Structures are given as C-alpha cells and as structure tokens.
Amino acid sequence: MDMTWWWVAAAAVVVVAVLAAWARTGTRAGSRIRARAGARGGSRAGARRRPGGPTRPPRAPGRPGPLRGGKRAPAPGEIWWADVPFEDGPGSKDRPCLVLSVHKGTVRVAKITSRHHEELPGVIALPPGAVGDTQGRTSYLETDELRDVRSAAFRRRAGALDAALWQRVQRMTR
C-alpha cells in the first residue's frame, strides 16, 4: 500500500488553516478600514457604526467623555476592571472596582474582592455576576479602603450598580 497519501491530507489541512487565518485577519482589517473611513466622514455603508455594535446604550449627558483611543471614561456608580495599586506597598493588581468619583486624570475607587472579610467594616455583598467574571460569583465591595487610580489604568466596563445600592455606597463613603 502506498503511504504518500497522508502528505496530501496534511498539506490540505495546512492550506485550510492558513486560509481561515487569512480570512479572519482580513475581516478585522476591513472593519478597521471602514471605521477609519467613518471617522473621516467617508460615505461607505456601515462606516458610521459605533464601536461595540448597536446594542451598546448611548452615553448619558454629563458623563465623562472618551479617553485616548476612543475608550469611554469611567463614571461614578460603574464597575470597571482596572490596574488597582496595592495600599501597603509597590505594585498593583488587575481587579474589579467601583468608581466613586472622577477628577481630571484620577479616579477614586473602592476595590471589589471575591473574598468576604467579616472583620472589616463597610463590606457590601454585590449580586452574583456583578463584576462580569466567568463564574458569576458573589463579590464584595470594600468601602473602607478607597484608592486613587489613573484613568489610563481602566480597561473594561463590567456594569453599574442599581440606584438603591449606589445610594447606600455613597452614604458609606462620605
């Protein structure tokens, strides 16, 4: 039996993989080109679509504007993933946090953790999945250790607190 047929099959798999990668890259590049054309006032169909698609809600009036690169700035009452500095030394950790206030390039936040610390005052349980983690765990907001974080350290919005919980947090952090 001739054993050269497997070379043909292997070559076909490689060709299909290369074509799939090229098609995926080409689609993203096409989206970038259309987005740039829209920013310049181009007239191509779909060029004026907002980043994030049609399901993203519009920004409310009076909210902080975009940061560098078109990213939206955090607003009070929102939960974001950011590079939050440690309180007791150098370094930082990528973690969810609640935005309390925004002033120029600095954002005051309360850290959110997945561990419940009963011994700490001002710990509030958040609803499961509030921070957008994949497991949908209950998270805990620690209002006794507030941090100041650079605006550039914020990478992804996870959601917002409901009005009643936001008012409770505001009363605790005054």
N, C-alpha and C. Protein backbone atom coordinates (compact mmCIF):
# COMPACT_ATOMS: atom_id res chain seq x y z
N MET A 1 0.84 -1.18 0.00
CA MET A 1 0.00 0.00 0.00
C MET A 1 0.89 1.24 0.00
N ASP A 2 0.51 2.23 -0.82
CA ASP A 2 1.30 3.45 -0.96
C ASP A 2 1.02 4.39 0.21
N MET A 3 2.07 4.87 0.91
CA MET A 3 1.92 5.70 2.12
C MET A 3 2.07 7.19 1.84
N THR A 4 2.06 7.64 0.58
CA THR A 4 2.24 9.06 0.29
C THR A 4 0.94 9.85 0.37
N TRP A 5 -0.18 9.23 0.52
CA TRP A 5 -1.47 9.94 0.57
C TRP A 5 -1.58 10.85 1.78
N TRP A 6 -0.94 10.51 2.88
CA TRP A 6 -1.06 11.33 4.09
C TRP A 6 -0.39 12.68 3.92
N TRP A 7 0.62 12.78 3.06
CA TRP A 7 1.24 14.08 2.77
C TRP A 7 0.24 15.02 2.13
N VAL A 8 -0.57 14.49 1.24
CA VAL A 8 -1.59 15.30 0.58
C VAL A 8 -2.62 15.78 1.60
N ALA A 9 -3.03 14.91 2.48
CA ALA A 9 -4.01 15.27 3.51
C ALA A 9 -3.42 16.33 4.45
N ALA A 10 -2.17 16.18 4.87
CA ALA A 10 -1.53 17.16 5.75
C ALA A 10 -1.42 18.51 5.06
N ALA A 11 -1.05 18.51 3.80
CA ALA A 11 -0.94 19.76 3.04
C ALA A 11 -2.30 20.45 2.94
N ALA A 12 -3.36 19.67 2.73
CA ALA A 12 -4.72 20.23 2.64
C ALA A 12 -5.13 20.88 3.96
N VAL A 13 -4.79 20.26 5.08
CA VAL A 13 -5.12 20.81 6.39
C VAL A 13 -4.38 22.13 6.60
N VAL A 14 -3.12 22.19 6.24
CA VAL A 14 -2.33 23.41 6.39
C VAL A 14 -2.91 24.53 5.53
N VAL A 15 -3.28 24.21 4.30
CA VAL A 15 -3.84 25.22 3.39
C VAL A 15 -5.16 25.76 3.96
N VAL A 16 -6.01 24.90 4.48
CA VAL A 16 -7.28 25.33 5.06
C VAL A 16 -7.04 26.22 6.28
N ALA A 17 -6.08 25.86 7.13
CA ALA A 17 -5.78 26.66 8.32
C ALA A 17 -5.25 28.03 7.93
N VAL A 18 -4.38 28.10 6.95
CA VAL A 18 -3.83 29.38 6.50
C VAL A 18 -4.94 30.24 5.91
N LEU A 19 -5.81 29.66 5.10
CA LEU A 19 -6.91 30.42 4.51
C LEU A 19 -7.87 30.93 5.58
N ALA A 20 -8.15 30.13 6.60
CA ALA A 20 -9.04 30.56 7.68
C ALA A 20 -8.42 31.72 8.46
N ALA A 21 -7.13 31.62 8.76
CA ALA A 21 -6.46 32.71 9.48
C ALA A 21 -6.42 33.97 8.63
N TRP A 22 -6.17 33.83 7.37
CA TRP A 22 -6.13 34.99 6.47
C TRP A 22 -7.51 35.65 6.37
N ALA A 23 -8.55 34.85 6.27
CA ALA A 23 -9.91 35.39 6.17
C ALA A 23 -10.29 36.13 7.45
N ARG A 24 -9.92 35.57 8.60
CA ARG A 24 -10.23 36.22 9.87
C ARG A 24 -9.48 37.54 9.99
N THR A 25 -8.22 37.57 9.64
CA THR A 25 -7.42 38.79 9.70
C THR A 25 -7.93 39.80 8.69
N GLY A 26 -8.28 39.37 7.53
CA GLY A 26 -8.80 40.26 6.50
C GLY A 26 -10.10 40.92 6.93
N THR A 27 -10.94 40.20 7.64
CA THR A 27 -12.20 40.77 8.11
C THR A 27 -11.94 41.87 9.13
N ARG A 28 -11.02 41.63 10.08
CA ARG A 28 -10.71 42.65 11.07
C ARG A 28 -10.09 43.87 10.41
N ALA A 29 -9.21 43.65 9.46
CA ALA A 29 -8.59 44.77 8.77
C ALA A 29 -9.65 45.57 8.02
N GLY A 30 -10.61 44.89 7.41
CA GLY A 30 -11.69 45.58 6.71
C GLY A 30 -12.52 46.42 7.66
N SER A 31 -12.75 45.92 8.86
CA SER A 31 -13.51 46.69 9.86
C SER A 31 -12.76 47.94 10.25
N ARG A 32 -11.43 47.81 10.42
CA ARG A 32 -10.63 48.98 10.78
C ARG A 32 -10.66 50.02 9.67
N ILE A 33 -10.59 49.55 8.42
CA ILE A 33 -10.61 50.47 7.29
C ILE A 33 -11.95 51.20 7.24
N ARG A 34 -13.05 50.45 7.44
CA ARG A 34 -14.37 51.09 7.43
C ARG A 34 -14.50 52.08 8.59
N ALA A 35 -13.96 51.73 9.77
CA ALA A 35 -14.05 52.63 10.92
C ALA A 35 -13.26 53.91 10.65
N ARG A 36 -12.08 53.78 10.03
CA ARG A 36 -11.30 54.97 9.71
C ARG A 36 -12.03 55.83 8.69
N ALA A 37 -12.65 55.20 7.71
CA ALA A 37 -13.39 55.96 6.70
C ALA A 37 -14.54 56.72 7.36
N GLY A 38 -15.20 56.10 8.35
CA GLY A 38 -16.29 56.76 9.05
C GLY A 38 -15.79 57.94 9.87
N ALA A 39 -14.61 57.80 10.47
CA ALA A 39 -14.05 58.89 11.27
C ALA A 39 -13.69 60.09 10.39
N ARG A 40 -13.35 59.82 9.12
CA ARG A 40 -13.01 60.90 8.20
C ARG A 40 -14.23 61.42 7.46
N GLY A 41 -15.40 60.87 7.76
CA GLY A 41 -16.61 61.32 7.08
C GLY A 41 -16.85 60.58 5.78
N GLY A 42 -16.31 59.37 5.66
CA GLY A 42 -16.49 58.58 4.45
C GLY A 42 -17.95 58.22 4.25
N SER A 43 -18.31 57.84 3.05
CA SER A 43 -19.71 57.58 2.75
C SER A 43 -20.00 56.10 2.55
N ARG A 44 -19.09 55.21 2.91
CA ARG A 44 -19.34 53.79 2.73
C ARG A 44 -20.44 53.32 3.68
N ALA A 45 -21.21 52.36 3.25
CA ALA A 45 -22.29 51.83 4.09
C ALA A 45 -21.68 51.20 5.34
N GLY A 46 -22.22 51.51 6.49
CA GLY A 46 -21.74 50.95 7.75
C GLY A 46 -20.55 51.69 8.33
N ALA A 47 -20.07 52.71 7.64
CA ALA A 47 -18.87 53.40 8.12
C ALA A 47 -19.14 54.21 9.38
N ARG A 48 -20.38 54.58 9.64
CA ARG A 48 -20.69 55.42 10.80
C ARG A 48 -21.22 54.60 11.98
N ARG A 49 -21.05 53.29 11.96
CA ARG A 49 -21.48 52.47 13.08
C ARG A 49 -20.60 52.72 14.28
N ARG A 50 -21.21 52.71 15.46
CA ARG A 50 -20.46 52.91 16.69
C ARG A 50 -19.65 51.66 17.02
N PRO A 51 -18.47 51.82 17.64
CA PRO A 51 -17.74 50.65 18.12
C PRO A 51 -18.59 49.96 19.18
N GLY A 52 -18.57 48.65 19.19
CA GLY A 52 -19.34 47.91 20.17
C GLY A 52 -20.69 47.46 19.64
N GLY A 53 -21.07 47.90 18.46
CA GLY A 53 -22.31 47.44 17.85
C GLY A 53 -23.52 48.22 18.30
N PRO A 54 -24.68 47.87 17.75
CA PRO A 54 -25.89 48.63 18.02
C PRO A 54 -26.50 48.37 19.39
N THR A 55 -26.03 47.36 20.14
CA THR A 55 -26.66 47.05 21.42
C THR A 55 -26.11 47.88 22.57
N ARG A 56 -25.00 48.56 22.36
CA ARG A 56 -24.42 49.36 23.43
C ARG A 56 -25.26 50.61 23.65
N PRO A 57 -25.67 50.90 24.89
CA PRO A 57 -26.51 52.08 25.13
C PRO A 57 -25.71 53.36 24.92
N PRO A 58 -26.37 54.43 24.51
CA PRO A 58 -25.67 55.70 24.34
C PRO A 58 -25.25 56.26 25.69
N ARG A 59 -24.21 57.07 25.69
CA ARG A 59 -23.71 57.68 26.93
C ARG A 59 -24.69 58.75 27.39
N ALA A 60 -24.97 58.78 28.68
CA ALA A 60 -25.89 59.77 29.24
C ALA A 60 -25.24 61.15 29.22
N PRO A 61 -26.04 62.20 29.08
CA PRO A 61 -25.47 63.56 29.10
C PRO A 61 -24.76 63.85 30.41
N GLY A 62 -23.67 64.59 30.33
CA GLY A 62 -22.93 64.96 31.52
C GLY A 62 -21.97 63.91 32.02
N ARG A 63 -21.90 62.78 31.34
CA ARG A 63 -20.97 61.71 31.74
C ARG A 63 -19.59 62.03 31.21
N PRO A 64 -18.54 61.48 31.82
CA PRO A 64 -17.19 61.72 31.32
C PRO A 64 -17.06 61.26 29.87
N GLY A 65 -16.28 61.98 29.11
CA GLY A 65 -16.11 61.69 27.69
C GLY A 65 -15.08 60.61 27.44
N PRO A 66 -14.73 60.42 26.16
CA PRO A 66 -13.81 59.35 25.82
C PRO A 66 -12.38 59.64 26.26
N LEU A 67 -11.66 58.56 26.54
CA LEU A 67 -10.24 58.66 26.83
C LEU A 67 -9.46 58.51 25.53
N ARG A 68 -8.15 58.39 25.65
CA ARG A 68 -7.34 58.15 24.47
C ARG A 68 -7.77 56.87 23.78
N GLY A 69 -7.67 56.85 22.47
CA GLY A 69 -8.01 55.65 21.72
C GLY A 69 -9.50 55.41 21.61
N GLY A 70 -10.33 56.37 21.96
CA GLY A 70 -11.77 56.21 21.83
C GLY A 70 -12.43 55.44 22.96
N LYS A 71 -11.67 54.99 23.98
CA LYS A 71 -12.27 54.29 25.12
C LYS A 71 -13.07 55.27 25.94
N ARG A 72 -14.23 54.83 26.43
CA ARG A 72 -15.07 55.68 27.27
C ARG A 72 -14.49 55.76 28.67
N ALA A 73 -14.58 56.92 29.26
CA ALA A 73 -14.06 57.12 30.61
C ALA A 73 -15.02 56.55 31.63
N PRO A 74 -14.50 56.08 32.76
CA PRO A 74 -15.37 55.57 33.82
C PRO A 74 -16.22 56.70 34.41
N ALA A 75 -17.38 56.32 34.91
CA ALA A 75 -18.30 57.28 35.54
C ALA A 75 -18.70 56.75 36.92
N PRO A 76 -19.02 57.64 37.86
CA PRO A 76 -19.43 57.20 39.19
C PRO A 76 -20.61 56.23 39.13
N GLY A 77 -20.51 55.18 39.95
CA GLY A 77 -21.55 54.16 40.01
C GLY A 77 -21.31 52.98 39.10
N GLU A 78 -20.25 53.04 38.29
CA GLU A 78 -19.94 51.95 37.36
C GLU A 78 -18.88 51.03 37.95
N ILE A 79 -18.95 49.77 37.56
CA ILE A 79 -17.95 48.79 37.95
C ILE A 79 -17.03 48.57 36.75
N TRP A 80 -15.74 48.70 36.98
CA TRP A 80 -14.73 48.56 35.93
C TRP A 80 -13.63 47.60 36.39
N TRP A 81 -12.97 46.97 35.42
CA TRP A 81 -11.73 46.23 35.68
C TRP A 81 -10.61 47.21 35.42
N ALA A 82 -9.70 47.34 36.40
CA ALA A 82 -8.60 48.29 36.29
C ALA A 82 -7.38 47.74 37.01
N ASP A 83 -6.24 48.34 36.72
CA ASP A 83 -4.99 48.00 37.39
C ASP A 83 -4.93 48.85 38.67
N VAL A 84 -5.36 48.27 39.79
CA VAL A 84 -5.51 48.99 41.06
C VAL A 84 -4.25 48.82 41.90
N PRO A 85 -3.63 49.93 42.35
CA PRO A 85 -2.40 49.82 43.15
C PRO A 85 -2.68 49.22 44.52
N PHE A 86 -1.68 48.51 45.05
CA PHE A 86 -1.76 47.98 46.40
C PHE A 86 -1.68 49.13 47.39
N GLU A 87 -2.33 48.96 48.54
CA GLU A 87 -2.32 50.01 49.56
C GLU A 87 -1.01 50.02 50.34
N ASP A 88 -0.48 48.82 50.61
CA ASP A 88 0.64 48.72 51.54
C ASP A 88 2.01 48.52 50.89
N GLY A 89 2.16 48.87 49.63
CA GLY A 89 3.46 48.71 49.02
C GLY A 89 3.41 48.92 47.52
N PRO A 90 4.55 48.69 46.86
CA PRO A 90 4.59 48.88 45.41
C PRO A 90 3.83 47.77 44.69
N GLY A 91 3.44 48.06 43.48
CA GLY A 91 2.75 47.07 42.67
C GLY A 91 1.27 47.35 42.56
N SER A 92 0.62 46.51 41.75
CA SER A 92 -0.82 46.67 41.52
C SER A 92 -1.39 45.33 41.08
N LYS A 93 -2.72 45.31 40.97
CA LYS A 93 -3.41 44.08 40.58
C LYS A 93 -4.58 44.45 39.68
N ASP A 94 -4.78 43.66 38.62
CA ASP A 94 -5.93 43.84 37.76
C ASP A 94 -7.14 43.29 38.49
N ARG A 95 -8.09 44.16 38.84
CA ARG A 95 -9.23 43.72 39.66
C ARG A 95 -10.44 44.59 39.36
N PRO A 96 -11.62 44.11 39.71
CA PRO A 96 -12.81 44.95 39.56
C PRO A 96 -12.84 45.99 40.67
N CYS A 97 -13.42 47.15 40.35
CA CYS A 97 -13.55 48.21 41.33
C CYS A 97 -14.77 49.06 41.00
N LEU A 98 -15.30 49.72 42.00
CA LEU A 98 -16.43 50.61 41.82
C LEU A 98 -15.93 52.04 41.74
N VAL A 99 -16.34 52.75 40.70
CA VAL A 99 -15.93 54.14 40.52
C VAL A 99 -16.79 55.00 41.43
N LEU A 100 -16.12 55.77 42.30
CA LEU A 100 -16.82 56.66 43.23
C LEU A 100 -16.85 58.10 42.73
N SER A 101 -15.72 58.55 42.17
CA SER A 101 -15.66 59.91 41.63
C SER A 101 -14.56 59.97 40.58
N VAL A 102 -14.68 60.97 39.69
CA VAL A 102 -13.70 61.18 38.63
C VAL A 102 -13.28 62.65 38.69
N HIS A 103 -11.97 62.88 38.72
CA HIS A 103 -11.46 64.25 38.73
C HIS A 103 -10.22 64.31 37.86
N LYS A 104 -10.35 64.96 36.71
CA LYS A 104 -9.27 65.06 35.73
C LYS A 104 -8.76 63.68 35.38
N GLY A 105 -7.50 63.39 35.60
CA GLY A 105 -6.93 62.10 35.21
C GLY A 105 -6.92 61.07 36.31
N THR A 106 -7.62 61.36 37.44
CA THR A 106 -7.63 60.46 38.59
C THR A 106 -9.05 60.02 38.90
N VAL A 107 -9.18 58.74 39.22
CA VAL A 107 -10.48 58.16 39.55
C VAL A 107 -10.40 57.57 40.95
N ARG A 108 -11.31 57.94 41.83
CA ARG A 108 -11.39 57.38 43.18
C ARG A 108 -12.27 56.14 43.11
N VAL A 109 -11.74 55.00 43.62
CA VAL A 109 -12.45 53.73 43.53
C VAL A 109 -12.49 53.02 44.88
N ALA A 110 -13.42 52.10 44.99
CA ALA A 110 -13.46 51.15 46.10
C ALA A 110 -13.20 49.78 45.49
N LYS A 111 -12.31 49.01 46.07
CA LYS A 111 -11.96 47.73 45.47
C LYS A 111 -13.06 46.70 45.71
N ILE A 112 -13.12 45.75 44.79
CA ILE A 112 -14.08 44.65 44.88
C ILE A 112 -13.27 43.36 44.93
N THR A 113 -13.66 42.47 45.83
CA THR A 113 -12.95 41.21 46.00
C THR A 113 -13.94 40.05 46.00
N SER A 114 -13.44 38.84 45.78
CA SER A 114 -14.31 37.66 45.82
C SER A 114 -14.32 37.03 47.21
N ARG A 115 -13.50 37.55 48.11
CA ARG A 115 -13.44 37.01 49.48
C ARG A 115 -14.19 37.92 50.44
N HIS A 116 -15.00 37.30 51.28
CA HIS A 116 -15.76 38.06 52.27
C HIS A 116 -14.93 38.21 53.53
N HIS A 117 -14.67 39.45 53.91
CA HIS A 117 -13.91 39.73 55.12
C HIS A 117 -14.87 40.29 56.17
N GLU A 118 -15.38 39.39 57.02
CA GLU A 118 -16.35 39.78 58.04
C GLU A 118 -15.77 40.77 59.03
N GLU A 119 -14.46 40.69 59.24
CA GLU A 119 -13.83 41.54 60.26
C GLU A 119 -13.70 43.00 59.81
N LEU A 120 -13.84 43.27 58.53
CA LEU A 120 -13.69 44.63 58.03
C LEU A 120 -15.02 45.38 58.07
N PRO A 121 -14.99 46.65 58.45
CA PRO A 121 -16.23 47.45 58.40
C PRO A 121 -16.49 47.89 56.96
N GLY A 122 -17.74 48.11 56.64
CA GLY A 122 -18.09 48.66 55.33
C GLY A 122 -18.00 47.69 54.18
N VAL A 123 -18.19 46.40 54.41
CA VAL A 123 -18.17 45.42 53.33
C VAL A 123 -19.61 45.19 52.87
N ILE A 124 -19.83 45.32 51.57
CA ILE A 124 -21.17 45.16 50.98
C ILE A 124 -21.14 44.02 49.98
N ALA A 125 -22.05 43.06 50.12
CA ALA A 125 -22.16 41.97 49.15
C ALA A 125 -22.82 42.49 47.88
N LEU A 126 -22.21 42.17 46.74
CA LEU A 126 -22.77 42.55 45.45
C LEU A 126 -23.50 41.35 44.86
N PRO A 127 -24.45 41.58 43.96
CA PRO A 127 -25.17 40.46 43.35
C PRO A 127 -24.22 39.56 42.56
N PRO A 128 -24.51 38.26 42.48
CA PRO A 128 -23.66 37.36 41.70
C PRO A 128 -23.54 37.86 40.25
N GLY A 129 -22.32 37.81 39.74
CA GLY A 129 -22.06 38.22 38.36
C GLY A 129 -21.94 39.72 38.15
N ALA A 130 -21.98 40.52 39.21
CA ALA A 130 -21.94 41.98 39.07
C ALA A 130 -20.65 42.48 38.46
N VAL A 131 -19.56 41.74 38.63
CA VAL A 131 -18.26 42.20 38.12
C VAL A 131 -17.93 41.60 36.76
N GLY A 132 -18.83 40.80 36.21
CA GLY A 132 -18.60 40.25 34.88
C GLY A 132 -17.60 39.12 34.84
N ASP A 133 -17.39 38.41 35.97
CA ASP A 133 -16.47 37.27 35.92
C ASP A 133 -17.17 36.07 35.30
N THR A 134 -16.40 35.12 34.83
CA THR A 134 -16.97 33.99 34.10
C THR A 134 -17.76 33.03 34.98
N GLN A 135 -17.45 32.97 36.28
CA GLN A 135 -18.15 32.04 37.17
C GLN A 135 -19.39 32.64 37.81
N GLY A 136 -19.62 33.93 37.70
CA GLY A 136 -20.81 34.57 38.28
C GLY A 136 -20.83 34.51 39.79
N ARG A 137 -19.67 34.60 40.42
CA ARG A 137 -19.59 34.52 41.88
C ARG A 137 -20.11 35.79 42.55
N THR A 138 -20.46 35.65 43.83
CA THR A 138 -20.80 36.83 44.64
C THR A 138 -19.50 37.57 44.93
N SER A 139 -19.53 38.87 44.80
CA SER A 139 -18.35 39.68 45.08
C SER A 139 -18.68 40.63 46.22
N TYR A 140 -17.61 41.18 46.82
CA TYR A 140 -17.77 42.03 47.98
C TYR A 140 -17.06 43.36 47.76
N LEU A 141 -17.78 44.44 47.99
CA LEU A 141 -17.24 45.79 47.86
C LEU A 141 -16.70 46.21 49.21
N GLU A 142 -15.45 46.65 49.24
CA GLU A 142 -14.82 47.10 50.47
C GLU A 142 -14.75 48.62 50.45
N THR A 143 -15.60 49.25 51.25
CA THR A 143 -15.69 50.72 51.23
C THR A 143 -14.75 51.41 52.20
N ASP A 144 -13.99 50.63 52.99
CA ASP A 144 -13.10 51.27 53.97
C ASP A 144 -11.73 51.62 53.39
N GLU A 145 -11.33 51.03 52.27
CA GLU A 145 -10.03 51.32 51.64
C GLU A 145 -10.27 51.89 50.25
N LEU A 146 -10.30 53.20 50.15
CA LEU A 146 -10.51 53.84 48.86
C LEU A 146 -9.15 54.10 48.22
N ARG A 147 -9.10 53.97 46.91
CA ARG A 147 -7.84 54.15 46.17
C ARG A 147 -8.03 55.17 45.07
N ASP A 148 -6.95 55.85 44.72
CA ASP A 148 -6.92 56.74 43.57
C ASP A 148 -6.17 56.03 42.45
N VAL A 149 -6.82 55.93 41.29
CA VAL A 149 -6.27 55.19 40.15
C VAL A 149 -6.22 56.12 38.94
N ARG A 150 -5.16 56.00 38.16
CA ARG A 150 -5.04 56.79 36.92
C ARG A 150 -6.13 56.37 35.94
N SER A 151 -6.68 57.30 35.18
CA SER A 151 -7.72 56.99 34.20
C SER A 151 -7.25 55.97 33.17
N ALA A 152 -5.97 56.03 32.81
CA ALA A 152 -5.43 55.13 31.81
C ALA A 152 -5.39 53.68 32.28
N ALA A 153 -5.52 53.43 33.59
CA ALA A 153 -5.44 52.07 34.12
C ALA A 153 -6.74 51.30 33.95
N PHE A 154 -7.82 51.95 33.51
CA PHE A 154 -9.10 51.28 33.36
C PHE A 154 -9.17 50.61 32.00
N ARG A 155 -9.55 49.30 32.00
CA ARG A 155 -9.53 48.59 30.73
C ARG A 155 -10.90 48.09 30.25
N ARG A 156 -11.82 47.78 31.16
CA ARG A 156 -13.09 47.21 30.70
C ARG A 156 -14.20 47.53 31.69
N ARG A 157 -15.33 48.01 31.16
CA ARG A 157 -16.51 48.26 31.98
C ARG A 157 -17.25 46.95 32.19
N ALA A 158 -17.60 46.66 33.45
CA ALA A 158 -18.29 45.41 33.76
C ALA A 158 -19.78 45.62 34.03
N GLY A 159 -20.18 46.85 34.36
CA GLY A 159 -21.59 47.11 34.65
C GLY A 159 -21.74 48.33 35.54
N ALA A 160 -22.92 48.42 36.16
CA ALA A 160 -23.20 49.54 37.05
C ALA A 160 -24.05 49.04 38.21
N LEU A 161 -23.96 49.73 39.33
CA LEU A 161 -24.79 49.39 40.48
C LEU A 161 -26.21 49.89 40.26
N ASP A 162 -27.19 49.20 40.85
CA ASP A 162 -28.55 49.72 40.79
C ASP A 162 -28.63 50.94 41.71
N ALA A 163 -29.65 51.75 41.53
CA ALA A 163 -29.76 53.04 42.21
C ALA A 163 -29.76 52.91 43.74
N ALA A 164 -30.47 51.93 44.29
CA ALA A 164 -30.56 51.78 45.74
C ALA A 164 -29.19 51.42 46.34
N LEU A 165 -28.50 50.49 45.70
CA LEU A 165 -27.19 50.09 46.20
C LEU A 165 -26.17 51.22 46.05
N TRP A 166 -26.26 51.98 44.96
CA TRP A 166 -25.36 53.12 44.74
C TRP A 166 -25.57 54.17 45.83
N GLN A 167 -26.82 54.44 46.21
CA GLN A 167 -27.07 55.41 47.28
C GLN A 167 -26.51 54.92 48.61
N ARG A 168 -26.63 53.64 48.86
CA ARG A 168 -26.07 53.06 50.10
C ARG A 168 -24.55 53.22 50.12
N VAL A 169 -23.90 52.96 49.01
CA VAL A 169 -22.44 53.11 48.93
C VAL A 169 -22.06 54.57 49.13
N GLN A 170 -22.79 55.48 48.51
CA GLN A 170 -22.48 56.91 48.67
C GLN A 170 -22.56 57.34 50.12
N ARG A 171 -23.57 56.86 50.85
CA ARG A 171 -23.70 57.22 52.27
C ARG A 171 -22.51 56.67 53.08
N MET A 172 -22.04 55.48 52.72
CA MET A 172 -20.96 54.84 53.48
C MET A 172 -19.59 55.45 53.18
N THR A 173 -19.42 56.04 52.02
CA THR A 173 -18.09 56.54 51.63
C THR A 173 -17.94 58.04 51.83
N ARG A 174 -18.91 58.69 52.39
CA ARG A 174 -18.80 60.15 52.65
C ARG A 174 -17.91 60.45 53.79
